[in-house]
Structures are given as C-alpha cells and as structure tokens.
Amino acid sequence: MKTTFKDIDEYIGIQTPEVQILLEQIRQTIKNAAPEAEEVISYNMPAFKYHGMLVYFAAYKNHIGFYATPTGHSQFKEELSVYKQGKGSVQFPLTNPLPLDLITKIVKFRVRGNLKGKSN
C-alpha cells in the first residue's frame, strides 16, 4: 500500500470499490455537517480541519476507523459503546451500515467545540 497521500481523493482511490463507497459516505457526511471545513491528510489519513482538527477517518481490513478525539468520543460515549474502540478511536465494521447520523452529531459537536477553543 502507498505510504503517503497528497489528498483524500488519492487515499480513497486506492481502496477497494466497496470501501471507496463507505469512505465517500463518511466524507460527504462530514462535508455536510461542516461545510466550511478543509479536507487534509494528517497522520496519513483523511481528515477535516476547522479552527483546529475536527475528525480523521481511515480504512482497515475489516473496519473504518473514526477519530474525533478527544471530546467527540467522550461526549458520545454511550452511542459509541456498541462499537469496538481503542484509545481515541472507534471502529465501524465494514459489514454494517455506517452510523452517518451519529457521525453528523459528532462533527457538529466538534465544530462547536473548536469555535469555542476547546478542540483539545
């Protein structure tokens, strides 16, 4: 797999067609929730910035990793509890529909936090 990406299109473009669809769903959900956010690659993952980092996401063999640290995970702890989690990450299995409504809520929460200066 390529080790560095210049943009989100390139990152999504190397994934399988099935995973590309899921990544585009997340991408569009984030864009809709934070239309002024900038797309970037950070830590070699697709990410969005708006007055600081908002969220990151990445494709893995069996899941999509979603990173809204630290406040996004703690604020939505109960809703995210049905998913496998790591430190600062949540795993959405490739076999299940993505929780796009929840992702929208998390992104909007992160936007509000960043605007108040509480992105970290």
PDB file of N, CA and C in Angstrom:
ATOM      1  N   MET A   1       0.841  -1.174   0.000  1.00  0.00           N
ATOM      2  CA  MET A   1       0.000   0.000   0.000  1.00  0.00           C
ATOM      3  C   MET A   1       0.890   1.242   0.000  1.00  0.00           C
ATOM      4  N   LYS A   2       0.453   2.257  -0.663  1.00  0.00           N
ATOM      5  CA  LYS A   2       1.190   3.521  -0.712  1.00  0.00           C
ATOM      6  C   LYS A   2       1.345   4.071   0.702  1.00  0.00           C
ATOM      7  N   THR A   3       2.475   4.699   0.965  1.00  0.00           N
ATOM      8  CA  THR A   3       2.725   5.146   2.329  1.00  0.00           C
ATOM      9  C   THR A   3       2.395   6.609   2.588  1.00  0.00           C
ATOM     10  N   THR A   4       2.336   7.453   1.560  1.00  0.00           N
ATOM     11  CA  THR A   4       1.950   8.846   1.765  1.00  0.00           C
ATOM     12  C   THR A   4       0.924   9.256   0.716  1.00  0.00           C
ATOM     13  N   PHE A   5       0.006  10.106   1.118  1.00  0.00           N
ATOM     14  CA  PHE A   5      -1.069  10.536   0.229  1.00  0.00           C
ATOM     15  C   PHE A   5      -1.066  12.049   0.136  1.00  0.00           C
ATOM     16  N   LYS A   6      -1.344  12.559  -1.064  1.00  0.00           N
ATOM     17  CA  LYS A   6      -1.375  14.016  -1.243  1.00  0.00           C
ATOM     18  C   LYS A   6      -2.741  14.594  -0.922  1.00  0.00           C
ATOM     19  N   ASP A   7      -3.799  13.796  -1.059  1.00  0.00           N
ATOM     20  CA  ASP A   7      -5.139  14.297  -0.757  1.00  0.00           C
ATOM     21  C   ASP A   7      -6.094  13.125  -0.511  1.00  0.00           C
ATOM     22  N   ILE A   8      -7.314  13.473  -0.119  1.00  0.00           N
ATOM     23  CA  ILE A   8      -8.304  12.445   0.216  1.00  0.00           C
ATOM     24  C   ILE A   8      -8.717  11.646  -1.013  1.00  0.00           C
ATOM     25  N   ASP A   9      -8.796  12.296  -2.168  1.00  0.00           N
ATOM     26  CA  ASP A   9      -9.142  11.563  -3.393  1.00  0.00           C
ATOM     27  C   ASP A   9      -8.150  10.437  -3.645  1.00  0.00           C
ATOM     28  N   GLU A  10      -6.878  10.723  -3.478  1.00  0.00           N
ATOM     29  CA  GLU A  10      -5.853   9.695  -3.692  1.00  0.00           C
ATOM     30  C   GLU A  10      -6.001   8.568  -2.669  1.00  0.00           C
ATOM     31  N   TYR A  11      -6.250   8.916  -1.409  1.00  0.00           N
ATOM     32  CA  TYR A  11      -6.428   7.912  -0.367  1.00  0.00           C
ATOM     33  C   TYR A  11      -7.605   6.993  -0.700  1.00  0.00           C
ATOM     34  N   ILE A  12      -8.733   7.583  -1.026  1.00  0.00           N
ATOM     35  CA  ILE A  12      -9.922   6.781  -1.336  1.00  0.00           C
ATOM     36  C   ILE A  12      -9.712   5.974  -2.603  1.00  0.00           C
ATOM     37  N   GLY A  13      -9.014   6.544  -3.576  1.00  0.00           N
ATOM     38  CA  GLY A  13      -8.815   5.899  -4.863  1.00  0.00           C
ATOM     39  C   GLY A  13      -8.083   4.569  -4.829  1.00  0.00           C
ATOM     40  N   ILE A  14      -7.273   4.328  -3.811  1.00  0.00           N
ATOM     41  CA  ILE A  14      -6.537   3.053  -3.761  1.00  0.00           C
ATOM     42  C   ILE A  14      -7.298   1.947  -3.037  1.00  0.00           C
ATOM     43  N   GLN A  15      -8.449   2.290  -2.466  1.00  0.00           N
ATOM     44  CA  GLN A  15      -9.229   1.305  -1.718  1.00  0.00           C
ATOM     45  C   GLN A  15     -10.074   0.457  -2.676  1.00  0.00           C
ATOM     46  N   THR A  16     -10.600  -0.642  -2.160  1.00  0.00           N
ATOM     47  CA  THR A  16     -11.492  -1.476  -2.959  1.00  0.00           C
ATOM     48  C   THR A  16     -12.771  -0.681  -3.260  1.00  0.00           C
ATOM     49  N   PRO A  17     -13.473  -1.039  -4.321  1.00  0.00           N
ATOM     50  CA  PRO A  17     -14.708  -0.293  -4.646  1.00  0.00           C
ATOM     51  C   PRO A  17     -15.712  -0.248  -3.493  1.00  0.00           C
ATOM     52  N   GLU A  18     -15.841  -1.335  -2.748  1.00  0.00           N
ATOM     53  CA  GLU A  18     -16.788  -1.376  -1.635  1.00  0.00           C
ATOM     54  C   GLU A  18     -16.383  -0.392  -0.537  1.00  0.00           C
ATOM     55  N   VAL A  19     -15.100  -0.347  -0.245  1.00  0.00           N
ATOM     56  CA  VAL A  19     -14.604   0.553   0.796  1.00  0.00           C
ATOM     57  C   VAL A  19     -14.644   2.004   0.308  1.00  0.00           C
ATOM     58  N   GLN A  20     -14.400   2.225  -0.960  1.00  0.00           N
ATOM     59  CA  GLN A  20     -14.487   3.574  -1.515  1.00  0.00           C
ATOM     60  C   GLN A  20     -15.877   4.175  -1.259  1.00  0.00           C
ATOM     61  N   ILE A  21     -16.900   3.367  -1.435  1.00  0.00           N
ATOM     62  CA  ILE A  21     -18.272   3.833  -1.212  1.00  0.00           C
ATOM     63  C   ILE A  21     -18.452   4.273   0.241  1.00  0.00           C
ATOM     64  N   LEU A  22     -17.968   3.476   1.180  1.00  0.00           N
ATOM     65  CA  LEU A  22     -18.096   3.810   2.599  1.00  0.00           C
ATOM     66  C   LEU A  22     -17.306   5.074   2.947  1.00  0.00           C
ATOM     67  N   LEU A  23     -16.094   5.173   2.432  1.00  0.00           N
ATOM     68  CA  LEU A  23     -15.276   6.354   2.718  1.00  0.00           C
ATOM     69  C   LEU A  23     -15.911   7.621   2.143  1.00  0.00           C
ATOM     70  N   GLU A  24     -16.483   7.504   0.960  1.00  0.00           N
ATOM     71  CA  GLU A  24     -17.171   8.660   0.368  1.00  0.00           C
ATOM     72  C   GLU A  24     -18.410   9.034   1.171  1.00  0.00           C
ATOM     73  N   GLN A  25     -19.091   8.040   1.739  1.00  0.00           N
ATOM     74  CA  GLN A  25     -20.244   8.335   2.589  1.00  0.00           C
ATOM     75  C   GLN A  25     -19.816   9.140   3.809  1.00  0.00           C
ATOM     76  N   ILE A  26     -18.736   8.720   4.443  1.00  0.00           N
ATOM     77  CA  ILE A  26     -18.229   9.452   5.602  1.00  0.00           C
ATOM     78  C   ILE A  26     -17.784  10.850   5.183  1.00  0.00           C
ATOM     79  N   ARG A  27     -17.046  10.926   4.097  1.00  0.00           N
ATOM     80  CA  ARG A  27     -16.553  12.213   3.601  1.00  0.00           C
ATOM     81  C   ARG A  27     -17.714  13.191   3.366  1.00  0.00           C
ATOM     82  N   GLN A  28     -18.744  12.743   2.678  1.00  0.00           N
ATOM     83  CA  GLN A  28     -19.882  13.614   2.377  1.00  0.00           C
ATOM     84  C   GLN A  28     -20.650  13.982   3.641  1.00  0.00           C
ATOM     85  N   THR A  29     -20.738  13.059   4.566  1.00  0.00           N
ATOM     86  CA  THR A  29     -21.416  13.332   5.837  1.00  0.00           C
ATOM     87  C   THR A  29     -20.679  14.432   6.594  1.00  0.00           C
ATOM     88  N   ILE A  30     -19.357  14.338   6.629  1.00  0.00           N
ATOM     89  CA  ILE A  30     -18.556  15.358   7.311  1.00  0.00           C
ATOM     90  C   ILE A  30     -18.692  16.698   6.592  1.00  0.00           C
ATOM     91  N   LYS A  31     -18.616  16.680   5.264  1.00  0.00           N
ATOM     92  CA  LYS A  31     -18.757  17.924   4.492  1.00  0.00           C
ATOM     93  C   LYS A  31     -20.115  18.579   4.739  1.00  0.00           C
ATOM     94  N   ASN A  32     -21.154  17.786   4.813  1.00  0.00           N
ATOM     95  CA  ASN A  32     -22.493  18.327   5.063  1.00  0.00           C
ATOM     96  C   ASN A  32     -22.613  18.903   6.470  1.00  0.00           C
ATOM     97  N   ALA A  33     -21.963  18.254   7.428  1.00  0.00           N
ATOM     98  CA  ALA A  33     -22.029  18.708   8.820  1.00  0.00           C
ATOM     99  C   ALA A  33     -21.126  19.914   9.077  1.00  0.00           C
ATOM    100  N   ALA A  34     -20.060  20.038   8.290  1.00  0.00           N
ATOM    101  CA  ALA A  34     -19.099  21.126   8.472  1.00  0.00           C
ATOM    102  C   ALA A  34     -18.671  21.645   7.102  1.00  0.00           C
ATOM    103  N   PRO A  35     -19.581  22.333   6.409  1.00  0.00           N
ATOM    104  CA  PRO A  35     -19.300  22.727   5.029  1.00  0.00           C
ATOM    105  C   PRO A  35     -18.091  23.647   4.851  1.00  0.00           C
ATOM    106  N   GLU A  36     -17.684  24.348   5.889  1.00  0.00           N
ATOM    107  CA  GLU A  36     -16.530  25.233   5.781  1.00  0.00           C
ATOM    108  C   GLU A  36     -15.215  24.543   6.129  1.00  0.00           C
ATOM    109  N   ALA A  37     -15.289  23.294   6.540  1.00  0.00           N
ATOM    110  CA  ALA A  37     -14.075  22.565   6.931  1.00  0.00           C
ATOM    111  C   ALA A  37     -13.204  22.270   5.716  1.00  0.00           C
ATOM    112  N   GLU A  38     -11.920  22.215   5.976  1.00  0.00           N
ATOM    113  CA  GLU A  38     -10.924  21.947   4.942  1.00  0.00           C
ATOM    114  C   GLU A  38     -10.527  20.467   4.971  1.00  0.00           C
ATOM    115  N   GLU A  39     -10.485  19.855   3.816  1.00  0.00           N
ATOM    116  CA  GLU A  39     -10.003  18.482   3.709  1.00  0.00           C
ATOM    117  C   GLU A  39      -8.484  18.493   3.744  1.00  0.00           C
ATOM    118  N   VAL A  40      -7.913  17.598   4.532  1.00  0.00           N
ATOM    119  CA  VAL A  40      -6.461  17.468   4.617  1.00  0.00           C
ATOM    120  C   VAL A  40      -6.098  16.000   4.807  1.00  0.00           C
ATOM    121  N   ILE A  41      -4.834  15.722   4.628  1.00  0.00           N
ATOM    122  CA  ILE A  41      -4.271  14.438   5.040  1.00  0.00           C
ATOM    123  C   ILE A  41      -3.431  14.737   6.272  1.00  0.00           C
ATOM    124  N   SER A  42      -3.709  14.042   7.350  1.00  0.00           N
ATOM    125  CA  SER A  42      -2.960  14.211   8.586  1.00  0.00           C
ATOM    126  C   SER A  42      -2.721  12.829   9.175  1.00  0.00           C
ATOM    127  N   TYR A  43      -1.520  12.588   9.619  1.00  0.00           N
ATOM    128  CA  TYR A  43      -1.146  11.245  10.067  1.00  0.00           C
ATOM    129  C   TYR A  43      -1.417  10.215   8.967  1.00  0.00           C
ATOM    130  N   ASN A  44      -1.310  10.678   7.728  1.00  0.00           N
ATOM    131  CA  ASN A  44      -1.523   9.845   6.534  1.00  0.00           C
ATOM    132  C   ASN A  44      -2.949   9.308   6.432  1.00  0.00           C
ATOM    133  N   MET A  45      -3.890  10.024   7.034  1.00  0.00           N
ATOM    134  CA  MET A  45      -5.305   9.658   6.987  1.00  0.00           C
ATOM    135  C   MET A  45      -6.114  10.852   6.484  1.00  0.00           C
ATOM    136  N   PRO A  46      -7.266  10.602   5.881  1.00  0.00           N
ATOM    137  CA  PRO A  46      -8.179  11.696   5.563  1.00  0.00           C
ATOM    138  C   PRO A  46      -8.613  12.380   6.861  1.00  0.00           C
ATOM    139  N   ALA A  47      -8.663  13.698   6.812  1.00  0.00           N
ATOM    140  CA  ALA A  47      -9.041  14.458   8.000  1.00  0.00           C
ATOM    141  C   ALA A  47      -9.710  15.757   7.559  1.00  0.00           C
ATOM    142  N   PHE A  48     -10.377  16.381   8.497  1.00  0.00           N
ATOM    143  CA  PHE A  48     -11.013  17.670   8.250  1.00  0.00           C
ATOM    144  C   PHE A  48     -10.595  18.635   9.346  1.00  0.00           C
ATOM    145  N   LYS A  49     -10.307  19.873   8.930  1.00  0.00           N
ATOM    146  CA  LYS A  49      -9.904  20.944   9.843  1.00  0.00           C
ATOM    147  C   LYS A  49     -10.900  22.088   9.766  1.00  0.00           C
ATOM    148  N   TYR A  50     -11.190  22.640  10.938  1.00  0.00           N
ATOM    149  CA  TYR A  50     -11.968  23.868  11.008  1.00  0.00           C
ATOM    150  C   TYR A  50     -11.673  24.487  12.366  1.00  0.00           C
ATOM    151  N   HIS A  51     -10.876  25.521  12.382  1.00  0.00           N
ATOM    152  CA  HIS A  51     -10.418  26.122  13.634  1.00  0.00           C
ATOM    153  C   HIS A  51      -9.756  25.064  14.515  1.00  0.00           C
ATOM    154  N   GLY A  52      -8.991  24.224  13.899  1.00  0.00           N
ATOM    155  CA  GLY A  52      -8.353  23.083  14.547  1.00  0.00           C
ATOM    156  C   GLY A  52      -8.847  21.798  13.896  1.00  0.00           C
ATOM    157  N   MET A  53      -8.261  20.704  14.272  1.00  0.00           N
ATOM    158  CA  MET A  53      -8.663  19.424  13.700  1.00  0.00           C
ATOM    159  C   MET A  53     -10.057  19.042  14.204  1.00  0.00           C
ATOM    160  N   LEU A  54     -10.857  18.513  13.290  1.00  0.00           N
ATOM    161  CA  LEU A  54     -12.203  18.043  13.649  1.00  0.00           C
ATOM    162  C   LEU A  54     -12.207  16.539  13.831  1.00  0.00           C
ATOM    163  N   VAL A  55     -12.021  15.819  12.723  1.00  0.00           N
ATOM    164  CA  VAL A  55     -12.079  14.356  12.754  1.00  0.00           C
ATOM    165  C   VAL A  55     -11.134  13.793  11.702  1.00  0.00           C
ATOM    166  N   TYR A  56     -10.779  12.549  11.907  1.00  0.00           N
ATOM    167  CA  TYR A  56      -9.984  11.763  10.971  1.00  0.00           C
ATOM    168  C   TYR A  56     -10.764  10.478  10.698  1.00  0.00           C
ATOM    169  N   PHE A  57     -10.474   9.831   9.572  1.00  0.00           N
ATOM    170  CA  PHE A  57     -11.025   8.506   9.312  1.00  0.00           C
ATOM    171  C   PHE A  57     -10.049   7.729   8.447  1.00  0.00           C
ATOM    172  N   ALA A  58     -10.146   6.409   8.501  1.00  0.00           N
ATOM    173  CA  ALA A  58      -9.202   5.580   7.755  1.00  0.00           C
ATOM    174  C   ALA A  58      -9.791   4.199   7.506  1.00  0.00           C
ATOM    175  N   ALA A  59      -9.348   3.605   6.409  1.00  0.00           N
ATOM    176  CA  ALA A  59      -9.806   2.263   6.042  1.00  0.00           C
ATOM    177  C   ALA A  59      -8.836   1.208   6.571  1.00  0.00           C
ATOM    178  N   TYR A  60      -9.397   0.134   7.078  1.00  0.00           N
ATOM    179  CA  TYR A  60      -8.625  -1.025   7.534  1.00  0.00           C
ATOM    180  C   TYR A  60      -9.255  -2.271   6.934  1.00  0.00           C
ATOM    181  N   LYS A  61      -8.662  -3.394   7.194  1.00  0.00           N
ATOM    182  CA  LYS A  61      -9.111  -4.641   6.568  1.00  0.00           C
ATOM    183  C   LYS A  61     -10.584  -4.944   6.852  1.00  0.00           C
ATOM    184  N   ASN A  62     -11.012  -4.768   8.098  1.00  0.00           N
ATOM    185  CA  ASN A  62     -12.371  -5.150   8.473  1.00  0.00           C
ATOM    186  C   ASN A  62     -13.231  -4.011   9.008  1.00  0.00           C
ATOM    187  N   HIS A  63     -12.692  -2.794   9.017  1.00  0.00           N
ATOM    188  CA  HIS A  63     -13.459  -1.686   9.583  1.00  0.00           C
ATOM    189  C   HIS A  63     -12.980  -0.348   9.027  1.00  0.00           C
ATOM    190  N   ILE A  64     -13.779   0.670   9.323  1.00  0.00           N
ATOM    191  CA  ILE A  64     -13.389   2.051   9.089  1.00  0.00           C
ATOM    192  C   ILE A  64     -13.091   2.633  10.466  1.00  0.00           C
ATOM    193  N   GLY A  65     -11.894   3.161  10.631  1.00  0.00           N
ATOM    194  CA  GLY A  65     -11.544   3.819  11.884  1.00  0.00           C
ATOM    195  C   GLY A  65     -12.020   5.262  11.837  1.00  0.00           C
ATOM    196  N   PHE A  66     -12.563   5.726  12.930  1.00  0.00           N
ATOM    197  CA  PHE A  66     -13.053   7.099  13.033  1.00  0.00           C
ATOM    198  C   PHE A  66     -12.470   7.698  14.295  1.00  0.00           C
ATOM    199  N   TYR A  67     -11.904   8.894  14.159  1.00  0.00           N
ATOM    200  CA  TYR A  67     -11.162   9.523  15.243  1.00  0.00           C
ATOM    201  C   TYR A  67     -11.686  10.941  15.441  1.00  0.00           C
ATOM    202  N   ALA A  68     -12.342  11.189  16.553  1.00  0.00           N
ATOM    203  CA  ALA A  68     -12.874  12.515  16.884  1.00  0.00           C
ATOM    204  C   ALA A  68     -12.382  12.915  18.265  1.00  0.00           C
ATOM    205  N   THR A  69     -11.125  12.675  18.508  1.00  0.00           N
ATOM    206  CA  THR A  69     -10.558  12.844  19.843  1.00  0.00           C
ATOM    207  C   THR A  69     -10.295  14.292  20.171  1.00  0.00           C
ATOM    208  N   PRO A  70     -10.256  14.574  21.422  1.00  0.00           N
ATOM    209  CA  PRO A  70     -10.713  13.673  22.476  1.00  0.00           C
ATOM    210  C   PRO A  70     -12.184  13.861  22.805  1.00  0.00           C
ATOM    211  N   THR A  71     -12.707  15.041  22.535  1.00  0.00           N
ATOM    212  CA  THR A  71     -14.049  15.363  23.026  1.00  0.00           C
ATOM    213  C   THR A  71     -15.171  14.625  22.319  1.00  0.00           C
ATOM    214  N   GLY A  72     -14.999  14.309  21.052  1.00  0.00           N
ATOM    215  CA  GLY A  72     -16.057  13.629  20.309  1.00  0.00           C
ATOM    216  C   GLY A  72     -16.372  12.256  20.856  1.00  0.00           C
ATOM    217  N   HIS A  73     -15.337  11.567  21.318  1.00  0.00           N
ATOM    218  CA  HIS A  73     -15.564  10.227  21.856  1.00  0.00           C
ATOM    219  C   HIS A  73     -16.162  10.279  23.257  1.00  0.00           C
ATOM    220  N   SER A  74     -15.672  11.176  24.061  1.00  0.00           N
ATOM    221  CA  SER A  74     -16.199  11.242  25.429  1.00  0.00           C
ATOM    222  C   SER A  74     -17.638  11.752  25.456  1.00  0.00           C
ATOM    223  N   GLN A  75     -17.957  12.716  24.619  1.00  0.00           N
ATOM    224  CA  GLN A  75     -19.311  13.278  24.593  1.00  0.00           C
ATOM    225  C   GLN A  75     -20.350  12.260  24.113  1.00  0.00           C
ATOM    226  N   PHE A  76     -19.947  11.377  23.206  1.00  0.00           N
ATOM    227  CA  PHE A  76     -20.876  10.408  22.616  1.00  0.00           C
ATOM    228  C   PHE A  76     -20.546   8.984  23.056  1.00  0.00           C
ATOM    229  N   LYS A  77     -20.020   8.867  24.264  1.00  0.00           N
ATOM    230  CA  LYS A  77     -19.577   7.583  24.806  1.00  0.00           C
ATOM    231  C   LYS A  77     -20.666   6.509  24.742  1.00  0.00           C
ATOM    232  N   GLU A  78     -21.876   6.876  25.142  1.00  0.00           N
ATOM    233  CA  GLU A  78     -22.969   5.897  25.171  1.00  0.00           C
ATOM    234  C   GLU A  78     -23.328   5.408  23.769  1.00  0.00           C
ATOM    235  N   GLU A  79     -23.479   6.340  22.816  1.00  0.00           N
ATOM    236  CA  GLU A  79     -23.836   5.969  21.452  1.00  0.00           C
ATOM    237  C   GLU A  79     -22.733   5.146  20.772  1.00  0.00           C
ATOM    238  N   LEU A  80     -21.497   5.433  21.130  1.00  0.00           N
ATOM    239  CA  LEU A  80     -20.362   4.722  20.529  1.00  0.00           C
ATOM    240  C   LEU A  80     -20.065   3.394  21.221  1.00  0.00           C
ATOM    241  N   SER A  81     -20.704   3.141  22.363  1.00  0.00           N
ATOM    242  CA  SER A  81     -20.393   1.949  23.156  1.00  0.00           C
ATOM    243  C   SER A  81     -20.688   0.637  22.425  1.00  0.00           C
ATOM    244  N   VAL A  82     -21.498   0.674  21.384  1.00  0.00           N
ATOM    245  CA  VAL A  82     -21.823  -0.549  20.639  1.00  0.00           C
ATOM    246  C   VAL A  82     -20.711  -0.928  19.648  1.00  0.00           C
ATOM    247  N   TYR A  83     -19.709  -0.059  19.520  1.00  0.00           N
ATOM    248  CA  TYR A  83     -18.603  -0.311  18.577  1.00  0.00           C
ATOM    249  C   TYR A  83     -17.315  -0.600  19.336  1.00  0.00           C
ATOM    250  N   LYS A  84     -16.471  -1.401  18.717  1.00  0.00           N
ATOM    251  CA  LYS A  84     -15.143  -1.648  19.268  1.00  0.00           C
ATOM    252  C   LYS A  84     -14.378  -0.329  19.253  1.00  0.00           C
ATOM    253  N   GLN A  85     -13.651  -0.077  20.344  1.00  0.00           N
ATOM    254  CA  GLN A  85     -12.929   1.177  20.456  1.00  0.00           C
ATOM    255  C   GLN A  85     -11.503   0.937  20.920  1.00  0.00           C
ATOM    256  N   GLY A  86     -10.668   1.868  20.567  1.00  0.00           N
ATOM    257  CA  GLY A  86      -9.306   1.914  21.063  1.00  0.00           C
ATOM    258  C   GLY A  86      -9.118   3.274  21.683  1.00  0.00           C
ATOM    259  N   LYS A  87      -7.910   3.581  22.093  1.00  0.00           N
ATOM    260  CA  LYS A  87      -7.650   4.898  22.666  1.00  0.00           C
ATOM    261  C   LYS A  87      -7.833   5.951  21.574  1.00  0.00           C
ATOM    262  N   GLY A  88      -8.898   6.710  21.681  1.00  0.00           N
ATOM    263  CA  GLY A  88      -9.148   7.774  20.724  1.00  0.00           C
ATOM    264  C   GLY A  88      -9.718   7.337  19.393  1.00  0.00           C
ATOM    265  N   SER A  89     -10.156   6.094  19.289  1.00  0.00           N
ATOM    266  CA  SER A  89     -10.692   5.623  18.015  1.00  0.00           C
ATOM    267  C   SER A  89     -11.945   4.787  18.236  1.00  0.00           C
ATOM    268  N   VAL A  90     -12.718   4.702  17.174  1.00  0.00           N
ATOM    269  CA  VAL A  90     -13.876   3.819  17.159  1.00  0.00           C
ATOM    270  C   VAL A  90     -13.834   3.082  15.827  1.00  0.00           C
ATOM    271  N   GLN A  91     -14.263   1.830  15.829  1.00  0.00           N
ATOM    272  CA  GLN A  91     -14.215   1.008  14.626  1.00  0.00           C
ATOM    273  C   GLN A  91     -15.629   0.701  14.138  1.00  0.00           C
ATOM    274  N   PHE A  92     -15.904   1.134  12.912  1.00  0.00           N
ATOM    275  CA  PHE A  92     -17.177   0.822  12.281  1.00  0.00           C
ATOM    276  C   PHE A  92     -16.951  -0.360  11.340  1.00  0.00           C
ATOM    277  N   PRO A  93     -17.525  -1.531  11.650  1.00  0.00           N
ATOM    278  CA  PRO A  93     -17.304  -2.717  10.810  1.00  0.00           C
ATOM    279  C   PRO A  93     -17.758  -2.494   9.374  1.00  0.00           C
ATOM    280  N   LEU A  94     -17.001  -3.047   8.440  1.00  0.00           N
ATOM    281  CA  LEU A  94     -17.342  -2.923   7.023  1.00  0.00           C
ATOM    282  C   LEU A  94     -18.646  -3.633   6.688  1.00  0.00           C
ATOM    283  N   THR A  95     -19.049  -4.568   7.532  1.00  0.00           N
ATOM    284  CA  THR A  95     -20.243  -5.371   7.265  1.00  0.00           C
ATOM    285  C   THR A  95     -21.543  -4.715   7.741  1.00  0.00           C
ATOM    286  N   ASN A  96     -21.441  -3.595   8.455  1.00  0.00           N
ATOM    287  CA  ASN A  96     -22.628  -2.916   8.976  1.00  0.00           C
ATOM    288  C   ASN A  96     -22.785  -1.545   8.312  1.00  0.00           C
ATOM    289  N   PRO A  97     -24.018  -1.042   8.241  1.00  0.00           N
ATOM    290  CA  PRO A  97     -24.197   0.323   7.731  1.00  0.00           C
ATOM    291  C   PRO A  97     -23.469   1.316   8.645  1.00  0.00           C
ATOM    292  N   LEU A  98     -22.927   2.355   8.050  1.00  0.00           N
ATOM    293  CA  LEU A  98     -22.247   3.379   8.837  1.00  0.00           C
ATOM    294  C   LEU A  98     -23.269   4.201   9.627  1.00  0.00           C
ATOM    295  N   PRO A  99     -22.930   4.613  10.841  1.00  0.00           N
ATOM    296  CA  PRO A  99     -23.849   5.436  11.640  1.00  0.00           C
ATOM    297  C   PRO A  99     -23.718   6.915  11.237  1.00  0.00           C
ATOM    298  N   LEU A 100     -24.202   7.235  10.054  1.00  0.00           N
ATOM    299  CA  LEU A 100     -23.998   8.569   9.490  1.00  0.00           C
ATOM    300  C   LEU A 100     -24.653   9.664  10.318  1.00  0.00           C
ATOM    301  N   ASP A 101     -25.796   9.384  10.918  1.00  0.00           N
ATOM    302  CA  ASP A 101     -26.436  10.386  11.783  1.00  0.00           C
ATOM    303  C   ASP A 101     -25.560  10.685  13.002  1.00  0.00           C
ATOM    304  N   LEU A 102     -24.976   9.643  13.563  1.00  0.00           N
ATOM    305  CA  LEU A 102     -24.094   9.819  14.712  1.00  0.00           C
ATOM    306  C   LEU A 102     -22.828  10.573  14.303  1.00  0.00           C
ATOM    307  N   ILE A 103     -22.277  10.250  13.162  1.00  0.00           N
ATOM    308  CA  ILE A 103     -21.093  10.964  12.670  1.00  0.00           C
ATOM    309  C   ILE A 103     -21.426  12.447  12.494  1.00  0.00           C
ATOM    310  N   THR A 104     -22.598  12.744  11.966  1.00  0.00           N
ATOM    311  CA  THR A 104     -23.030  14.137  11.813  1.00  0.00           C
ATOM    312  C   THR A 104     -23.060  14.841  13.167  1.00  0.00           C
ATOM    313  N   LYS A 105     -23.656  14.209  14.162  1.00  0.00           N
ATOM    314  CA  LYS A 105     -23.739  14.804  15.501  1.00  0.00           C
ATOM    315  C   LYS A 105     -22.345  15.062  16.067  1.00  0.00           C
ATOM    316  N   ILE A 106     -21.459  14.090  15.894  1.00  0.00           N
ATOM    317  CA  ILE A 106     -20.100  14.231  16.428  1.00  0.00           C
ATOM    318  C   ILE A 106     -19.370  15.378  15.741  1.00  0.00           C
ATOM    319  N   VAL A 107     -19.469  15.453  14.429  1.00  0.00           N
ATOM    320  CA  VAL A 107     -18.779  16.512  13.691  1.00  0.00           C
ATOM    321  C   VAL A 107     -19.316  17.880  14.098  1.00  0.00           C
ATOM    322  N   LYS A 108     -20.619  18.020  14.186  1.00  0.00           N
ATOM    323  CA  LYS A 108     -21.194  19.308  14.591  1.00  0.00           C
ATOM    324  C   LYS A 108     -20.770  19.680  16.008  1.00  0.00           C
ATOM    325  N   PHE A 109     -20.694  18.701  16.881  1.00  0.00           N
ATOM    326  CA  PHE A 109     -20.212  18.936  18.243  1.00  0.00           C
ATOM    327  C   PHE A 109     -18.767  19.411  18.221  1.00  0.00           C
ATOM    328  N   ARG A 110     -17.943  18.758  17.405  1.00  0.00           N
ATOM    329  CA  ARG A 110     -16.529  19.147  17.311  1.00  0.00           C
ATOM    330  C   ARG A 110     -16.390  20.564  16.735  1.00  0.00           C
ATOM    331  N   VAL A 111     -17.224  20.921  15.754  1.00  0.00           N
ATOM    332  CA  VAL A 111     -17.187  22.279  15.197  1.00  0.00           C
ATOM    333  C   VAL A 111     -17.466  23.295  16.308  1.00  0.00           C
ATOM    334  N   ARG A 112     -18.527  23.056  17.066  1.00  0.00           N
ATOM    335  CA  ARG A 112     -18.876  23.976  18.163  1.00  0.00           C
ATOM    336  C   ARG A 112     -17.730  24.082  19.165  1.00  0.00           C
ATOM    337  N   GLY A 113     -17.137  22.953  19.499  1.00  0.00           N
ATOM    338  CA  GLY A 113     -16.014  22.953  20.442  1.00  0.00           C
ATOM    339  C   GLY A 113     -14.809  23.703  19.902  1.00  0.00           C
ATOM    340  N   ASN A 114     -14.500  23.495  18.634  1.00  0.00           N
ATOM    341  CA  ASN A 114     -13.365  24.207  18.040  1.00  0.00           C
ATOM    342  C   ASN A 114     -13.606  25.706  18.014  1.00  0.00           C
ATOM    343  N   LEU A 115     -14.824  26.106  17.722  1.00  0.00           N
ATOM    344  CA  LEU A 115     -15.137  27.534  17.686  1.00  0.00           C
ATOM    345  C   LEU A 115     -15.023  28.166  19.078  1.00  0.00           C
ATOM    346  N   LYS A 116     -15.240  27.360  20.111  1.00  0.00           N
ATOM    347  CA  LYS A 116     -15.105  27.852  21.490  1.00  0.00           C
ATOM    348  C   LYS A 116     -13.674  27.686  22.012  1.00  0.00           C
ATOM    349  N   GLY A 117     -12.799  27.134  21.167  1.00  0.00           N
ATOM    350  CA  GLY A 117     -11.410  26.947  21.588  1.00  0.00           C
ATOM    351  C   GLY A 117     -11.178  25.720  22.425  1.00  0.00           C
ATOM    352  N   LYS A 118     -12.068  24.720  22.305  1.00  0.00           N
ATOM    353  CA  LYS A 118     -11.947  23.500  23.103  1.00  0.00           C
ATOM    354  C   LYS A 118     -11.684  22.294  22.216  1.00  0.00           C
ATOM    355  N   SER A 119     -10.811  22.433  21.230  1.00  0.00           N
ATOM    356  CA  SER A 119     -10.570  21.328  20.295  1.00  0.00           C
ATOM    357  C   SER A 119      -9.689  20.251  20.883  1.00  0.00           C
ATOM    358  N   ASN A 120      -8.963  20.551  21.953  1.00  0.00           N
ATOM    359  CA  ASN A 120      -8.044  19.542  22.504  1.00  0.00           C
ATOM    360  C   ASN A 120      -8.568  18.897  23.745  1.00  0.00           C
TER     361      ASN A 120
END
